[in-house]
Amino acid sequence: MTDPTALPHRVAAVRRFTRCYTRVIGVLQEGLLASRFTLAEARVLYELAQRDDLTTTELGRELGLDLGYLSRILQRFERDGLLAREPSPADRRQIRLSLTEAGRAAFAPLDARSREEVGALLARLPDPAQGSLVTAMQRIEALLGASQPTPWLLRQHRPGDIGWVVARHGALYAGEYGFDARFEALVARVAGEFLAQHDPRRERCWIAERDGVNVGSVFLVRKSDDEAKLRLLLVEPAARGLGIGRRLTAECIAFARETGYRRVTLWTNEVLTPARSIYQQAGFRLVASAPHCDFGPPMVGEDWELTLR
């Protein structure tokens, strides 16, 4: 039961926190991150950059925006050449929204500046304080969004994570697809090489974490000055359906763009249907395939490629 005498003090505390937070992250500026976009416009750009199958209704529902206000934002984007509309292949009555090349070009520096500012904000804190801050934010999300799935976060790898990546790949792929120990050996070699000699300026590992438990991973590694390779995408069965695989893939692509790669390639197997769907939705195209038995069962290996503009 709520204590009526405590409520005014709690209301004041929440308002004080929101004033502090909006000042710290700079949302009171006329243009977010010194751009020509407002906070709402930047958020719409972000959602459109992550997916190319949204309708206006879905976008409004996910962002909690009035459809009239959202429609005016989308009309401006379309007038400026940032947005394209086309009938959905699944239902011609639905209009699918997607960013044009100009739209993605407008989003890229905004996304990069956001990462830089948040990185600078976190860099002011020692590592334990960074962890405490993220945990507190997760707690706020959980309390204010009880109807939502348990929130998860992405972070760079820490000591112990690479061993987890190897162990979970070995166990999951053996259980789900019958891969033998040679696959775990391959994962150990790739992950070990990354840990021993990766260049943090052009290579990265992301770990998805939920309630303090690792639930996903992906690596982006350098193959040449122009080409990066996406490797070791994994999502734990209990965390599937939350968009983690798509987000991990999107992080790789965004980082590859920021660091100057011209293309991203990957190798997978035809049997990995969910992963192939993620790659296809992200814009990768299948360029070659060949049968093999490298991990026990007969299967078809596939090379996929994404050209970055």
C-alpha atoms as a PDB file:
ATOM      1  CA  MET A   1       0.000   0.000   0.000  1.00  0.00           C
ATOM      2  CA  THR A   2       1.342   3.435  -1.003  1.00  0.00           C
ATOM      3  CA  ASP A   3       2.209   5.807   1.828  1.00  0.00           C
ATOM      4  CA  PRO A   4       0.391   9.062   0.882  1.00  0.00           C
ATOM      5  CA  THR A   5       2.830  11.169   2.896  1.00  0.00           C
ATOM      6  CA  ALA A   6       5.806   9.766   0.945  1.00  0.00           C
ATOM      7  CA  LEU A   7       4.326  10.273  -2.524  1.00  0.00           C
ATOM      8  CA  PRO A   8       5.069  14.039  -2.878  1.00  0.00           C
ATOM      9  CA  HIS A   9       8.721  13.438  -1.986  1.00  0.00           C
ATOM     10  CA  ARG A  10       8.949  10.579  -4.514  1.00  0.00           C
ATOM     11  CA  VAL A  11       7.322  12.699  -7.222  1.00  0.00           C
ATOM     12  CA  ALA A  12       9.873  15.440  -6.549  1.00  0.00           C
ATOM     13  CA  ALA A  13      12.735  12.907  -6.694  1.00  0.00           C
ATOM     14  CA  VAL A  14      11.567  11.522 -10.052  1.00  0.00           C
ATOM     15  CA  ARG A  15      11.213  15.022 -11.491  1.00  0.00           C
ATOM     16  CA  ARG A  16      14.698  15.925 -10.216  1.00  0.00           C
ATOM     17  CA  PHE A  17      16.151  12.822 -11.868  1.00  0.00           C
ATOM     18  CA  THR A  18      14.466  13.532 -15.216  1.00  0.00           C
ATOM     19  CA  ARG A  19      15.712  17.136 -15.190  1.00  0.00           C
ATOM     20  CA  CYS A  20      19.240  15.931 -14.479  1.00  0.00           C
ATOM     21  CA  TYR A  21      19.142  13.180 -17.085  1.00  0.00           C
ATOM     22  CA  THR A  22      17.734  15.316 -19.902  1.00  0.00           C
ATOM     23  CA  ARG A  23      20.439  17.908 -19.209  1.00  0.00           C
ATOM     24  CA  VAL A  24      23.231  15.311 -19.161  1.00  0.00           C
ATOM     25  CA  ILE A  25      22.239  13.669 -22.451  1.00  0.00           C
ATOM     26  CA  GLY A  26      21.548  17.002 -24.167  1.00  0.00           C
ATOM     27  CA  VAL A  27      17.969  16.426 -25.351  1.00  0.00           C
ATOM     28  CA  LEU A  28      16.987  20.017 -24.538  1.00  0.00           C
ATOM     29  CA  GLN A  29      19.090  21.339 -27.408  1.00  0.00           C
ATOM     30  CA  GLU A  30      17.191  22.531 -30.475  1.00  0.00           C
ATOM     31  CA  GLY A  31      18.981  19.950 -32.637  1.00  0.00           C
ATOM     32  CA  LEU A  32      19.988  16.640 -31.104  1.00  0.00           C
ATOM     33  CA  LEU A  33      23.775  16.098 -31.082  1.00  0.00           C
ATOM     34  CA  ALA A  34      24.306  19.329 -33.063  1.00  0.00           C
ATOM     35  CA  SER A  35      22.247  17.912 -35.947  1.00  0.00           C
ATOM     36  CA  ARG A  36      19.208  19.247 -37.786  1.00  0.00           C
ATOM     37  CA  PHE A  37      17.020  16.563 -36.194  1.00  0.00           C
ATOM     38  CA  THR A  38      14.911  16.837 -33.066  1.00  0.00           C
ATOM     39  CA  LEU A  39      14.957  14.034 -30.493  1.00  0.00           C
ATOM     40  CA  ALA A  40      11.749  12.536 -31.926  1.00  0.00           C
ATOM     41  CA  GLU A  41      13.060  12.725 -35.497  1.00  0.00           C
ATOM     42  CA  ALA A  42      16.363  11.127 -34.509  1.00  0.00           C
ATOM     43  CA  ARG A  43      14.528   8.297 -32.743  1.00  0.00           C
ATOM     44  CA  VAL A  44      12.386   7.674 -35.835  1.00  0.00           C
ATOM     45  CA  LEU A  45      15.559   7.625 -37.959  1.00  0.00           C
ATOM     46  CA  TYR A  46      17.120   5.119 -35.580  1.00  0.00           C
ATOM     47  CA  GLU A  47      14.176   2.700 -35.760  1.00  0.00           C
ATOM     48  CA  LEU A  48      14.053   2.941 -39.559  1.00  0.00           C
ATOM     49  CA  ALA A  49      17.809   2.280 -39.752  1.00  0.00           C
ATOM     50  CA  GLN A  50      17.422  -0.954 -37.779  1.00  0.00           C
ATOM     51  CA  ARG A  51      14.568  -2.393 -39.843  1.00  0.00           C
ATOM     52  CA  ASP A  52      13.224  -2.045 -43.362  1.00  0.00           C
ATOM     53  CA  ASP A  53       9.831  -3.695 -42.840  1.00  0.00           C
ATOM     54  CA  LEU A  54       8.049  -1.197 -40.562  1.00  0.00           C
ATOM     55  CA  THR A  55       4.674   0.345 -41.296  1.00  0.00           C
ATOM     56  CA  THR A  56       3.608   3.741 -39.948  1.00  0.00           C
ATOM     57  CA  THR A  57       1.222   2.078 -37.491  1.00  0.00           C
ATOM     58  CA  GLU A  58       3.903  -0.296 -36.174  1.00  0.00           C
ATOM     59  CA  LEU A  59       6.421   2.528 -35.849  1.00  0.00           C
ATOM     60  CA  GLY A  60       3.949   4.718 -33.982  1.00  0.00           C
ATOM     61  CA  ARG A  61       3.037   1.882 -31.630  1.00  0.00           C
ATOM     62  CA  GLU A  62       6.659   1.007 -30.854  1.00  0.00           C
ATOM     63  CA  LEU A  63       7.620   4.629 -30.171  1.00  0.00           C
ATOM     64  CA  GLY A  64       4.381   5.656 -28.469  1.00  0.00           C
ATOM     65  CA  LEU A  65       3.989   8.577 -30.913  1.00  0.00           C
ATOM     66  CA  ASP A  66       0.752  10.147 -32.063  1.00  0.00           C
ATOM     67  CA  LEU A  67       0.165   8.977 -35.640  1.00  0.00           C
ATOM     68  CA  GLY A  68      -0.544  12.503 -36.864  1.00  0.00           C
ATOM     69  CA  TYR A  69       2.745  13.780 -35.435  1.00  0.00           C
ATOM     70  CA  LEU A  70       4.612  10.755 -36.787  1.00  0.00           C
ATOM     71  CA  SER A  71       3.064  11.229 -40.232  1.00  0.00           C
ATOM     72  CA  ARG A  72       4.356  14.817 -40.367  1.00  0.00           C
ATOM     73  CA  ILE A  73       7.868  13.604 -39.502  1.00  0.00           C
ATOM     74  CA  LEU A  74       7.710  10.926 -42.199  1.00  0.00           C
ATOM     75  CA  GLN A  75       6.395  13.424 -44.767  1.00  0.00           C
ATOM     76  CA  ARG A  76       9.351  15.689 -44.044  1.00  0.00           C
ATOM     77  CA  PHE A  77      11.776  12.763 -44.389  1.00  0.00           C
ATOM     78  CA  GLU A  78      10.181  11.773 -47.690  1.00  0.00           C
ATOM     79  CA  ARG A  79      10.294  15.364 -48.966  1.00  0.00           C
ATOM     80  CA  ASP A  80      13.996  15.528 -48.079  1.00  0.00           C
ATOM     81  CA  GLY A  81      14.708  12.265 -49.890  1.00  0.00           C
ATOM     82  CA  LEU A  82      15.468  10.322 -46.712  1.00  0.00           C
ATOM     83  CA  LEU A  83      12.508   7.928 -46.779  1.00  0.00           C
ATOM     84  CA  ALA A  84      10.989   5.533 -49.305  1.00  0.00           C
ATOM     85  CA  ARG A  85       7.583   3.869 -49.194  1.00  0.00           C
ATOM     86  CA  GLU A  86       6.624   0.708 -51.046  1.00  0.00           C
ATOM     87  CA  PRO A  87       3.925  -1.985 -50.760  1.00  0.00           C
ATOM     88  CA  SER A  88       4.849  -4.847 -48.448  1.00  0.00           C
ATOM     89  CA  PRO A  89       5.607  -8.096 -50.352  1.00  0.00           C
ATOM     90  CA  ALA A  90       3.652  -9.993 -47.691  1.00  0.00           C
ATOM     91  CA  ASP A  91       0.546  -7.773 -47.897  1.00  0.00           C
ATOM     92  CA  ARG A  92       0.173  -5.268 -50.741  1.00  0.00           C
ATOM     93  CA  ARG A  93      -2.297  -3.286 -48.638  1.00  0.00           C
ATOM     94  CA  GLN A  94       0.462  -2.435 -46.180  1.00  0.00           C
ATOM     95  CA  ILE A  95       3.048   0.265 -46.999  1.00  0.00           C
ATOM     96  CA  ARG A  96       6.559  -0.563 -45.865  1.00  0.00           C
ATOM     97  CA  LEU A  97       8.908   2.229 -44.768  1.00  0.00           C
ATOM     98  CA  SER A  98      12.635   2.206 -45.401  1.00  0.00           C
ATOM     99  CA  LEU A  99      15.503   4.674 -45.412  1.00  0.00           C
ATOM    100  CA  THR A 100      17.017   5.657 -48.730  1.00  0.00           C
ATOM    101  CA  GLU A 101      20.767   5.827 -49.196  1.00  0.00           C
ATOM    102  CA  ALA A 102      20.512   9.531 -48.355  1.00  0.00           C
ATOM    103  CA  GLY A 103      18.579   8.611 -45.215  1.00  0.00           C
ATOM    104  CA  ARG A 104      21.248   6.169 -44.088  1.00  0.00           C
ATOM    105  CA  ALA A 105      23.914   8.753 -44.865  1.00  0.00           C
ATOM    106  CA  ALA A 106      22.076  11.252 -42.669  1.00  0.00           C
ATOM    107  CA  PHE A 107      21.703   8.715 -39.856  1.00  0.00           C
ATOM    108  CA  ALA A 108      25.321   7.473 -39.828  1.00  0.00           C
ATOM    109  CA  PRO A 109      27.008  10.604 -38.376  1.00  0.00           C
ATOM    110  CA  LEU A 110      24.164  11.053 -35.891  1.00  0.00           C
ATOM    111  CA  ASP A 111      24.608   7.472 -34.709  1.00  0.00           C
ATOM    112  CA  ALA A 112      28.387   7.882 -34.525  1.00  0.00           C
ATOM    113  CA  ARG A 113      28.144  11.113 -32.493  1.00  0.00           C
ATOM    114  CA  SER A 114      25.697   9.438 -30.108  1.00  0.00           C
ATOM    115  CA  ARG A 115      28.119   6.571 -29.518  1.00  0.00           C
ATOM    116  CA  GLU A 116      30.984   9.010 -28.977  1.00  0.00           C
ATOM    117  CA  GLU A 117      29.050  11.122 -26.460  1.00  0.00           C
ATOM    118  CA  VAL A 118      27.816   8.134 -24.476  1.00  0.00           C
ATOM    119  CA  GLY A 119      31.328   6.668 -24.577  1.00  0.00           C
ATOM    120  CA  ALA A 120      32.755   9.939 -23.274  1.00  0.00           C
ATOM    121  CA  LEU A 121      30.117  10.041 -20.541  1.00  0.00           C
ATOM    122  CA  LEU A 122      30.975   6.510 -19.407  1.00  0.00           C
ATOM    123  CA  ALA A 123      34.724   7.126 -19.697  1.00  0.00           C
ATOM    124  CA  ARG A 124      34.477   9.691 -16.885  1.00  0.00           C
ATOM    125  CA  LEU A 125      33.546   6.848 -14.518  1.00  0.00           C
ATOM    126  CA  PRO A 126      35.710   3.973 -13.244  1.00  0.00           C
ATOM    127  CA  ASP A 127      34.742   0.523 -14.501  1.00  0.00           C
ATOM    128  CA  PRO A 128      32.759  -0.531 -11.371  1.00  0.00           C
ATOM    129  CA  ALA A 129      30.750   2.702 -11.524  1.00  0.00           C
ATOM    130  CA  GLN A 130      29.998   2.106 -15.212  1.00  0.00           C
ATOM    131  CA  GLY A 131      28.610  -1.319 -14.308  1.00  0.00           C
ATOM    132  CA  SER A 132      26.555   0.158 -11.474  1.00  0.00           C
ATOM    133  CA  LEU A 133      25.133   2.834 -13.768  1.00  0.00           C
ATOM    134  CA  VAL A 134      24.092   0.301 -16.419  1.00  0.00           C
ATOM    135  CA  THR A 135      22.545  -1.972 -13.775  1.00  0.00           C
ATOM    136  CA  ALA A 136      20.563   0.956 -12.353  1.00  0.00           C
ATOM    137  CA  MET A 137      19.310   1.848 -15.826  1.00  0.00           C
ATOM    138  CA  GLN A 138      18.228  -1.744 -16.395  1.00  0.00           C
ATOM    139  CA  ARG A 139      16.391  -1.672 -13.088  1.00  0.00           C
ATOM    140  CA  ILE A 140      14.539   1.500 -14.090  1.00  0.00           C
ATOM    141  CA  GLU A 141      13.566  -0.072 -17.424  1.00  0.00           C
ATOM    142  CA  ALA A 142      12.301  -3.196 -15.679  1.00  0.00           C
ATOM    143  CA  LEU A 143      10.242  -1.249 -13.126  1.00  0.00           C
ATOM    144  CA  LEU A 144       8.672   1.160 -15.610  1.00  0.00           C
ATOM    145  CA  GLY A 145       8.104  -1.411 -18.352  1.00  0.00           C
ATOM    146  CA  ALA A 146       6.871  -4.461 -16.442  1.00  0.00           C
ATOM    147  CA  SER A 147       4.889  -5.697 -19.440  1.00  0.00           C
ATOM    148  CA  GLN A 148       7.995  -5.731 -21.621  1.00  0.00           C
ATOM    149  CA  PRO A 149      10.444  -8.642 -21.944  1.00  0.00           C
ATOM    150  CA  THR A 150      13.371  -8.571 -19.527  1.00  0.00           C
ATOM    151  CA  PRO A 151      15.751  -5.926 -20.947  1.00  0.00           C
ATOM    152  CA  TRP A 152      19.129  -6.866 -22.312  1.00  0.00           C
ATOM    153  CA  LEU A 153      22.235  -4.874 -23.092  1.00  0.00           C
ATOM    154  CA  LEU A 154      25.168  -5.035 -25.473  1.00  0.00           C
ATOM    155  CA  ARG A 155      28.733  -4.508 -24.313  1.00  0.00           C
ATOM    156  CA  GLN A 156      32.264  -5.277 -25.390  1.00  0.00           C
ATOM    157  CA  HIS A 157      33.912  -8.444 -24.117  1.00  0.00           C
ATOM    158  CA  ARG A 158      35.436  -8.782 -20.667  1.00  0.00           C
ATOM    159  CA  PRO A 159      37.757 -11.408 -19.148  1.00  0.00           C
ATOM    160  CA  GLY A 160      36.008 -14.769 -19.222  1.00  0.00           C
ATOM    161  CA  ASP A 161      33.669 -13.923 -22.106  1.00  0.00           C
ATOM    162  CA  ILE A 162      35.748 -15.565 -24.833  1.00  0.00           C
ATOM    163  CA  GLY A 163      35.792 -18.862 -22.955  1.00  0.00           C
ATOM    164  CA  TRP A 164      32.002 -18.638 -22.690  1.00  0.00           C
ATOM    165  CA  VAL A 165      31.729 -18.025 -26.437  1.00  0.00           C
ATOM    166  CA  VAL A 166      33.721 -21.168 -27.209  1.00  0.00           C
ATOM    167  CA  ALA A 167      31.860 -23.355 -24.700  1.00  0.00           C
ATOM    168  CA  ARG A 168      28.371 -22.261 -25.758  1.00  0.00           C
ATOM    169  CA  HIS A 169      29.098 -22.624 -29.466  1.00  0.00           C
ATOM    170  CA  GLY A 170      30.366 -26.137 -28.870  1.00  0.00           C
ATOM    171  CA  ALA A 171      27.394 -27.180 -26.728  1.00  0.00           C
ATOM    172  CA  LEU A 172      24.606 -25.497 -28.698  1.00  0.00           C
ATOM    173  CA  TYR A 173      25.724 -26.529 -32.168  1.00  0.00           C
ATOM    174  CA  ALA A 174      26.284 -30.108 -31.024  1.00  0.00           C
ATOM    175  CA  GLY A 175      22.832 -30.258 -29.459  1.00  0.00           C
ATOM    176  CA  GLU A 176      20.893 -28.459 -32.202  1.00  0.00           C
ATOM    177  CA  TYR A 177      22.712 -29.514 -35.383  1.00  0.00           C
ATOM    178  CA  GLY A 178      24.919 -32.461 -34.459  1.00  0.00           C
ATOM    179  CA  PHE A 179      28.222 -30.647 -35.048  1.00  0.00           C
ATOM    180  CA  ASP A 180      31.229 -32.565 -33.719  1.00  0.00           C
ATOM    181  CA  ALA A 181      34.264 -31.386 -31.743  1.00  0.00           C
ATOM    182  CA  ARG A 182      35.942 -29.987 -34.862  1.00  0.00           C
ATOM    183  CA  PHE A 183      33.490 -27.113 -34.841  1.00  0.00           C
ATOM    184  CA  GLU A 184      34.326 -26.221 -31.241  1.00  0.00           C
ATOM    185  CA  ALA A 185      38.012 -26.386 -32.195  1.00  0.00           C
ATOM    186  CA  LEU A 186      37.384 -23.906 -35.041  1.00  0.00           C
ATOM    187  CA  VAL A 187      35.541 -21.538 -32.692  1.00  0.00           C
ATOM    188  CA  ALA A 188      38.360 -21.800 -30.140  1.00  0.00           C
ATOM    189  CA  ARG A 189      40.933 -20.938 -32.829  1.00  0.00           C
ATOM    190  CA  VAL A 190      38.979 -17.923 -34.132  1.00  0.00           C
ATOM    191  CA  ALA A 191      38.141 -16.610 -30.672  1.00  0.00           C
ATOM    192  CA  GLY A 192      41.664 -17.237 -29.361  1.00  0.00           C
ATOM    193  CA  GLU A 193      43.279 -15.372 -32.246  1.00  0.00           C
ATOM    194  CA  PHE A 194      40.930 -12.456 -31.668  1.00  0.00           C
ATOM    195  CA  LEU A 195      41.722 -12.342 -27.962  1.00  0.00           C
ATOM    196  CA  ALA A 196      45.487 -12.557 -28.530  1.00  0.00           C
ATOM    197  CA  GLN A 197      45.960 -10.039 -31.325  1.00  0.00           C
ATOM    198  CA  HIS A 198      42.832  -8.078 -32.258  1.00  0.00           C
ATOM    199  CA  ASP A 199      43.064  -4.398 -33.183  1.00  0.00           C
ATOM    200  CA  PRO A 200      40.388  -2.593 -31.110  1.00  0.00           C
ATOM    201  CA  ARG A 201      40.309   0.257 -33.625  1.00  0.00           C
ATOM    202  CA  ARG A 202      39.021  -2.018 -36.408  1.00  0.00           C
ATOM    203  CA  GLU A 203      37.915  -5.237 -34.689  1.00  0.00           C
ATOM    204  CA  ARG A 204      35.398  -5.858 -31.956  1.00  0.00           C
ATOM    205  CA  CYS A 205      33.447  -8.446 -29.995  1.00  0.00           C
ATOM    206  CA  TRP A 206      29.979  -7.711 -28.650  1.00  0.00           C
ATOM    207  CA  ILE A 207      28.339  -9.654 -25.840  1.00  0.00           C
ATOM    208  CA  ALA A 208      24.587  -9.537 -25.245  1.00  0.00           C
ATOM    209  CA  GLU A 209      23.764  -9.754 -21.551  1.00  0.00           C
ATOM    210  CA  ARG A 210      20.451 -10.162 -19.722  1.00  0.00           C
ATOM    211  CA  ASP A 211      20.101 -10.046 -15.939  1.00  0.00           C
ATOM    212  CA  GLY A 212      23.876 -10.367 -15.661  1.00  0.00           C
ATOM    213  CA  VAL A 213      23.996 -13.515 -17.798  1.00  0.00           C
ATOM    214  CA  ASN A 214      25.576 -13.763 -21.260  1.00  0.00           C
ATOM    215  CA  VAL A 215      22.957 -14.589 -23.906  1.00  0.00           C
ATOM    216  CA  GLY A 216      24.623 -13.718 -27.222  1.00  0.00           C
ATOM    217  CA  SER A 217      27.811 -12.835 -29.049  1.00  0.00           C
ATOM    218  CA  VAL A 218      29.242 -11.707 -32.354  1.00  0.00           C
ATOM    219  CA  PHE A 219      32.675 -10.693 -33.674  1.00  0.00           C
ATOM    220  CA  LEU A 220      33.792  -8.342 -36.419  1.00  0.00           C
ATOM    221  CA  VAL A 221      37.379  -9.063 -37.523  1.00  0.00           C
ATOM    222  CA  ARG A 222      39.648  -7.548 -40.155  1.00  0.00           C
ATOM    223  CA  LYS A 223      40.305  -9.570 -43.282  1.00  0.00           C
ATOM    224  CA  SER A 224      41.920  -6.732 -45.248  1.00  0.00           C
ATOM    225  CA  ASP A 225      41.918  -2.928 -45.227  1.00  0.00           C
ATOM    226  CA  ASP A 226      38.653  -2.964 -47.196  1.00  0.00           C
ATOM    227  CA  GLU A 227      36.991  -6.127 -45.911  1.00  0.00           C
ATOM    228  CA  ALA A 228      35.717  -7.121 -42.476  1.00  0.00           C
ATOM    229  CA  LYS A 229      34.357 -10.518 -41.538  1.00  0.00           C
ATOM    230  CA  LEU A 230      31.360 -11.142 -39.290  1.00  0.00           C
ATOM    231  CA  ARG A 231      31.952 -14.250 -37.163  1.00  0.00           C
ATOM    232  CA  LEU A 232      30.513 -16.332 -34.312  1.00  0.00           C
ATOM    233  CA  LEU A 233      26.981 -14.921 -34.133  1.00  0.00           C
ATOM    234  CA  LEU A 234      25.193 -16.737 -31.312  1.00  0.00           C
ATOM    235  CA  VAL A 235      21.963 -16.232 -29.354  1.00  0.00           C
ATOM    236  CA  GLU A 236      21.002 -18.487 -26.469  1.00  0.00           C
ATOM    237  CA  PRO A 237      17.700 -20.366 -27.015  1.00  0.00           C
ATOM    238  CA  ALA A 238      16.067 -18.720 -23.986  1.00  0.00           C
ATOM    239  CA  ALA A 239      16.806 -15.249 -25.411  1.00  0.00           C
ATOM    240  CA  ARG A 240      15.669 -15.809 -28.986  1.00  0.00           C
ATOM    241  CA  GLY A 241      12.818 -13.734 -30.349  1.00  0.00           C
ATOM    242  CA  LEU A 242      13.971 -10.547 -28.588  1.00  0.00           C
ATOM    243  CA  GLY A 243      15.788  -9.099 -31.598  1.00  0.00           C
ATOM    244  CA  ILE A 244      19.245  -9.780 -30.160  1.00  0.00           C
ATOM    245  CA  GLY A 245      20.591 -11.475 -33.308  1.00  0.00           C
ATOM    246  CA  ARG A 246      19.439  -8.596 -35.511  1.00  0.00           C
ATOM    247  CA  ARG A 247      20.934  -6.040 -33.147  1.00  0.00           C
ATOM    248  CA  LEU A 248      24.284  -7.838 -32.926  1.00  0.00           C
ATOM    249  CA  THR A 249      24.440  -7.960 -36.721  1.00  0.00           C
ATOM    250  CA  ALA A 250      23.478  -4.280 -36.985  1.00  0.00           C
ATOM    251  CA  GLU A 251      26.250  -3.342 -34.524  1.00  0.00           C
ATOM    252  CA  CYS A 252      28.801  -5.128 -36.714  1.00  0.00           C
ATOM    253  CA  ILE A 253      27.603  -3.329 -39.831  1.00  0.00           C
ATOM    254  CA  ALA A 254      27.545   0.088 -38.160  1.00  0.00           C
ATOM    255  CA  PHE A 255      31.051  -0.382 -36.729  1.00  0.00           C
ATOM    256  CA  ALA A 256      32.334  -1.560 -40.129  1.00  0.00           C
ATOM    257  CA  ARG A 257      30.963   1.608 -41.744  1.00  0.00           C
ATOM    258  CA  GLU A 258      32.442   3.849 -39.051  1.00  0.00           C
ATOM    259  CA  THR A 259      35.890   2.309 -39.386  1.00  0.00           C
ATOM    260  CA  GLY A 260      36.079   2.541 -43.172  1.00  0.00           C
ATOM    261  CA  TYR A 261      35.520  -0.985 -44.436  1.00  0.00           C
ATOM    262  CA  ARG A 262      33.991  -1.282 -47.897  1.00  0.00           C
ATOM    263  CA  ARG A 263      32.319  -4.662 -47.384  1.00  0.00           C
ATOM    264  CA  VAL A 264      31.442  -7.228 -44.740  1.00  0.00           C
ATOM    265  CA  THR A 265      31.574 -10.947 -45.504  1.00  0.00           C
ATOM    266  CA  LEU A 266      30.628 -14.045 -43.547  1.00  0.00           C
ATOM    267  CA  TRP A 267      30.554 -17.811 -43.854  1.00  0.00           C
ATOM    268  CA  THR A 268      27.622 -19.846 -42.558  1.00  0.00           C
ATOM    269  CA  ASN A 269      25.763 -23.069 -43.293  1.00  0.00           C
ATOM    270  CA  GLU A 270      22.495 -23.608 -45.100  1.00  0.00           C
ATOM    271  CA  VAL A 271      21.058 -25.443 -42.091  1.00  0.00           C
ATOM    272  CA  LEU A 272      21.299 -22.308 -39.906  1.00  0.00           C
ATOM    273  CA  THR A 273      17.990 -20.909 -41.119  1.00  0.00           C
ATOM    274  CA  PRO A 274      17.406 -18.238 -38.406  1.00  0.00           C
ATOM    275  CA  ALA A 275      20.891 -16.753 -38.871  1.00  0.00           C
ATOM    276  CA  ARG A 276      20.540 -16.746 -42.659  1.00  0.00           C
ATOM    277  CA  SER A 277      17.264 -14.842 -42.321  1.00  0.00           C
ATOM    278  CA  ILE A 278      18.971 -12.196 -40.167  1.00  0.00           C
ATOM    279  CA  TYR A 279      21.783 -11.781 -42.694  1.00  0.00           C
ATOM    280  CA  GLN A 280      19.353 -11.491 -45.588  1.00  0.00           C
ATOM    281  CA  GLN A 281      17.257  -8.865 -43.780  1.00  0.00           C
ATOM    282  CA  ALA A 282      20.424  -6.896 -43.020  1.00  0.00           C
ATOM    283  CA  GLY A 283      21.235  -6.696 -46.749  1.00  0.00           C
ATOM    284  CA  PHE A 284      23.751  -9.515 -47.162  1.00  0.00           C
ATOM    285  CA  ARG A 285      23.546 -11.538 -50.378  1.00  0.00           C
ATOM    286  CA  LEU A 286      24.577 -15.134 -50.974  1.00  0.00           C
ATOM    287  CA  VAL A 287      27.576 -15.222 -53.339  1.00  0.00           C
ATOM    288  CA  ALA A 288      28.795 -18.845 -53.200  1.00  0.00           C
ATOM    289  CA  SER A 289      27.991 -22.241 -51.688  1.00  0.00           C
ATOM    290  CA  ALA A 290      29.626 -25.662 -51.495  1.00  0.00           C
ATOM    291  CA  PRO A 291      28.875 -28.984 -49.748  1.00  0.00           C
ATOM    292  CA  HIS A 292      31.172 -30.175 -46.951  1.00  0.00           C
ATOM    293  CA  CYS A 293      31.380 -32.501 -43.953  1.00  0.00           C
ATOM    294  CA  ASP A 294      33.843 -30.484 -41.893  1.00  0.00           C
ATOM    295  CA  PHE A 295      31.838 -30.809 -38.672  1.00  0.00           C
ATOM    296  CA  GLY A 296      30.345 -34.282 -39.091  1.00  0.00           C
ATOM    297  CA  PRO A 297      26.918 -34.198 -40.790  1.00  0.00           C
ATOM    298  CA  PRO A 298      26.785 -33.402 -44.530  1.00  0.00           C
ATOM    299  CA  MET A 299      25.844 -29.764 -45.050  1.00  0.00           C
ATOM    300  CA  VAL A 300      26.225 -26.833 -47.430  1.00  0.00           C
ATOM    301  CA  GLY A 301      28.556 -23.981 -46.526  1.00  0.00           C
ATOM    302  CA  GLU A 302      27.670 -20.504 -47.783  1.00  0.00           C
ATOM    303  CA  ASP A 303      29.566 -17.263 -48.392  1.00  0.00           C
ATOM    304  CA  TRP A 304      27.566 -14.052 -47.917  1.00  0.00           C
ATOM    305  CA  GLU A 305      28.594 -10.460 -48.651  1.00  0.00           C
ATOM    306  CA  LEU A 306      27.364  -6.960 -47.856  1.00  0.00           C
ATOM    307  CA  THR A 307      28.713  -3.981 -49.799  1.00  0.00           C
ATOM    308  CA  LEU A 308      28.954  -0.802 -47.697  1.00  0.00           C
ATOM    309  CA  ARG A 309      28.350   2.555 -49.329  1.00  0.00           C
END
